[in-house]
Amino acid sequence: MEKNLLNIGFGNTVVADRVVAIVSPNSAPMKRLKDDARDENHLIDATHGRRTRSIIIMDSNHIVLSAIQAETISQRFETLKEAQE
């Protein structure tokens, strides 16, 4: 079984098939989502100390923070899906 890995920046990857959503972190609901995930130990910080520019919601109920723009990750995701077809 082949896993397609999505590059989320700075050498970090996630399994593309497990991604539910890629969102911007600027809205109040996304900040609450991030805080709740931190409280439940479901937060994965892949920013390497940089500013959070996107939030990746996984089907495992984990929230992944990335320092790469949400639009950039979405483009990479679409490119990966097109390559599968």
C-alpha atoms as a PDB file:
ATOM      1  CA  MET A   1       0.000   0.000   0.000  1.00  0.00           C
ATOM      2  CA  GLU A   2       1.583   3.240  -1.155  1.00  0.00           C
ATOM      3  CA  LYS A   3       1.248   6.380   0.973  1.00  0.00           C
ATOM      4  CA  ASN A   4       1.271   9.778  -0.704  1.00  0.00           C
ATOM      5  CA  LEU A   5       3.091  12.267   1.477  1.00  0.00           C
ATOM      6  CA  LEU A   6       2.197  15.945   1.432  1.00  0.00           C
ATOM      7  CA  ASN A   7       5.086  18.341   2.097  1.00  0.00           C
ATOM      8  CA  ILE A   8       3.991  20.866   4.730  1.00  0.00           C
ATOM      9  CA  GLY A   9       7.327  22.654   4.900  1.00  0.00           C
ATOM     10  CA  PHE A  10      10.755  22.411   6.499  1.00  0.00           C
ATOM     11  CA  GLY A  11      11.107  18.692   5.852  1.00  0.00           C
ATOM     12  CA  ASN A  12       7.768  17.772   7.436  1.00  0.00           C
ATOM     13  CA  THR A  13       5.180  15.634   5.687  1.00  0.00           C
ATOM     14  CA  VAL A  14       1.717  14.246   6.396  1.00  0.00           C
ATOM     15  CA  VAL A  15      -0.158  11.424   4.686  1.00  0.00           C
ATOM     16  CA  ALA A  16      -2.300  13.187   2.070  1.00  0.00           C
ATOM     17  CA  ASP A  17      -5.162  10.683   2.310  1.00  0.00           C
ATOM     18  CA  ARG A  18      -5.636  11.558   5.998  1.00  0.00           C
ATOM     19  CA  VAL A  19      -6.037  15.315   5.450  1.00  0.00           C
ATOM     20  CA  VAL A  20      -9.563  16.563   6.080  1.00  0.00           C
ATOM     21  CA  ALA A  21      -9.001  20.315   5.636  1.00  0.00           C
ATOM     22  CA  ILE A  22      -6.308  22.941   5.176  1.00  0.00           C
ATOM     23  CA  VAL A  23      -7.343  26.281   6.682  1.00  0.00           C
ATOM     24  CA  SER A  24      -5.988  29.694   7.587  1.00  0.00           C
ATOM     25  CA  PRO A  25      -5.346  30.167  11.331  1.00  0.00           C
ATOM     26  CA  ASN A  26      -6.625  33.750  11.557  1.00  0.00           C
ATOM     27  CA  SER A  27     -10.280  33.296  12.497  1.00  0.00           C
ATOM     28  CA  ALA A  28     -11.531  32.944  16.069  1.00  0.00           C
ATOM     29  CA  PRO A  29     -12.931  29.410  15.504  1.00  0.00           C
ATOM     30  CA  MET A  30      -9.554  28.218  14.215  1.00  0.00           C
ATOM     31  CA  LYS A  31      -7.806  29.732  17.247  1.00  0.00           C
ATOM     32  CA  ARG A  32     -10.265  27.878  19.506  1.00  0.00           C
ATOM     33  CA  LEU A  33      -9.688  24.675  17.533  1.00  0.00           C
ATOM     34  CA  LYS A  34      -5.934  25.066  18.011  1.00  0.00           C
ATOM     35  CA  ASP A  35      -6.307  25.762  21.744  1.00  0.00           C
ATOM     36  CA  ASP A  36      -8.645  22.781  22.224  1.00  0.00           C
ATOM     37  CA  ALA A  37      -6.223  20.476  20.378  1.00  0.00           C
ATOM     38  CA  ARG A  38      -3.370  21.722  22.580  1.00  0.00           C
ATOM     39  CA  ASP A  39      -5.420  20.990  25.719  1.00  0.00           C
ATOM     40  CA  GLU A  40      -6.219  17.463  24.467  1.00  0.00           C
ATOM     41  CA  ASN A  41      -2.591  16.783  23.381  1.00  0.00           C
ATOM     42  CA  HIS A  42      -3.663  16.480  19.736  1.00  0.00           C
ATOM     43  CA  LEU A  43      -1.648  19.452  18.487  1.00  0.00           C
ATOM     44  CA  ILE A  44       1.409  18.905  16.300  1.00  0.00           C
ATOM     45  CA  ASP A  45       3.546  22.003  15.778  1.00  0.00           C
ATOM     46  CA  ALA A  46       5.563  21.723  12.549  1.00  0.00           C
ATOM     47  CA  THR A  47       6.387  25.454  12.347  1.00  0.00           C
ATOM     48  CA  HIS A  48       9.914  25.188  13.770  1.00  0.00           C
ATOM     49  CA  GLY A  49       9.338  28.345  15.796  1.00  0.00           C
ATOM     50  CA  ARG A  50       7.992  30.343  12.874  1.00  0.00           C
ATOM     51  CA  ARG A  51       4.619  32.033  12.608  1.00  0.00           C
ATOM     52  CA  THR A  52       1.685  29.669  12.027  1.00  0.00           C
ATOM     53  CA  ARG A  53       0.324  30.302   8.537  1.00  0.00           C
ATOM     54  CA  SER A  54      -1.912  27.266   8.106  1.00  0.00           C
ATOM     55  CA  ILE A  55      -3.736  24.631  10.107  1.00  0.00           C
ATOM     56  CA  ILE A  56      -4.085  21.117   8.733  1.00  0.00           C
ATOM     57  CA  ILE A  57      -6.940  19.074  10.161  1.00  0.00           C
ATOM     58  CA  MET A  58      -6.352  15.324  10.048  1.00  0.00           C
ATOM     59  CA  ASP A  59      -8.902  12.506  10.189  1.00  0.00           C
ATOM     60  CA  SER A  60      -7.196  11.190  13.345  1.00  0.00           C
ATOM     61  CA  ASN A  61      -8.456  14.282  15.227  1.00  0.00           C
ATOM     62  CA  HIS A  62      -4.949  15.780  15.201  1.00  0.00           C
ATOM     63  CA  ILE A  63      -4.283  19.390  14.289  1.00  0.00           C
ATOM     64  CA  VAL A  64      -1.007  20.145  12.496  1.00  0.00           C
ATOM     65  CA  LEU A  65       0.412  23.670  12.432  1.00  0.00           C
ATOM     66  CA  SER A  66       2.555  24.737   9.478  1.00  0.00           C
ATOM     67  CA  ALA A  67       4.568  27.855   8.668  1.00  0.00           C
ATOM     68  CA  ILE A  68       3.660  27.512   4.975  1.00  0.00           C
ATOM     69  CA  GLN A  69       0.666  29.436   3.576  1.00  0.00           C
ATOM     70  CA  ALA A  70      -2.570  27.431   3.376  1.00  0.00           C
ATOM     71  CA  GLU A  71      -2.853  28.257  -0.348  1.00  0.00           C
ATOM     72  CA  THR A  72       0.596  26.791  -1.027  1.00  0.00           C
ATOM     73  CA  ILE A  73      -0.192  23.569   0.826  1.00  0.00           C
ATOM     74  CA  SER A  74      -3.537  23.335  -0.983  1.00  0.00           C
ATOM     75  CA  GLN A  75      -1.764  23.643  -4.346  1.00  0.00           C
ATOM     76  CA  ARG A  76       0.669  20.890  -3.349  1.00  0.00           C
ATOM     77  CA  PHE A  77      -2.284  18.754  -2.242  1.00  0.00           C
ATOM     78  CA  GLU A  78      -4.095  19.239  -5.570  1.00  0.00           C
ATOM     79  CA  THR A  79      -0.926  18.468  -7.531  1.00  0.00           C
ATOM     80  CA  LEU A  80      -0.475  15.277  -5.533  1.00  0.00           C
ATOM     81  CA  LYS A  81      -4.104  14.226  -6.140  1.00  0.00           C
ATOM     82  CA  GLU A  82      -3.787  14.888  -9.886  1.00  0.00           C
ATOM     83  CA  ALA A  83      -0.639  12.762 -10.024  1.00  0.00           C
ATOM     84  CA  GLN A  84      -2.591   9.859  -8.479  1.00  0.00           C
ATOM     85  CA  GLU A  85      -5.170   9.850 -11.266  1.00  0.00           C
END
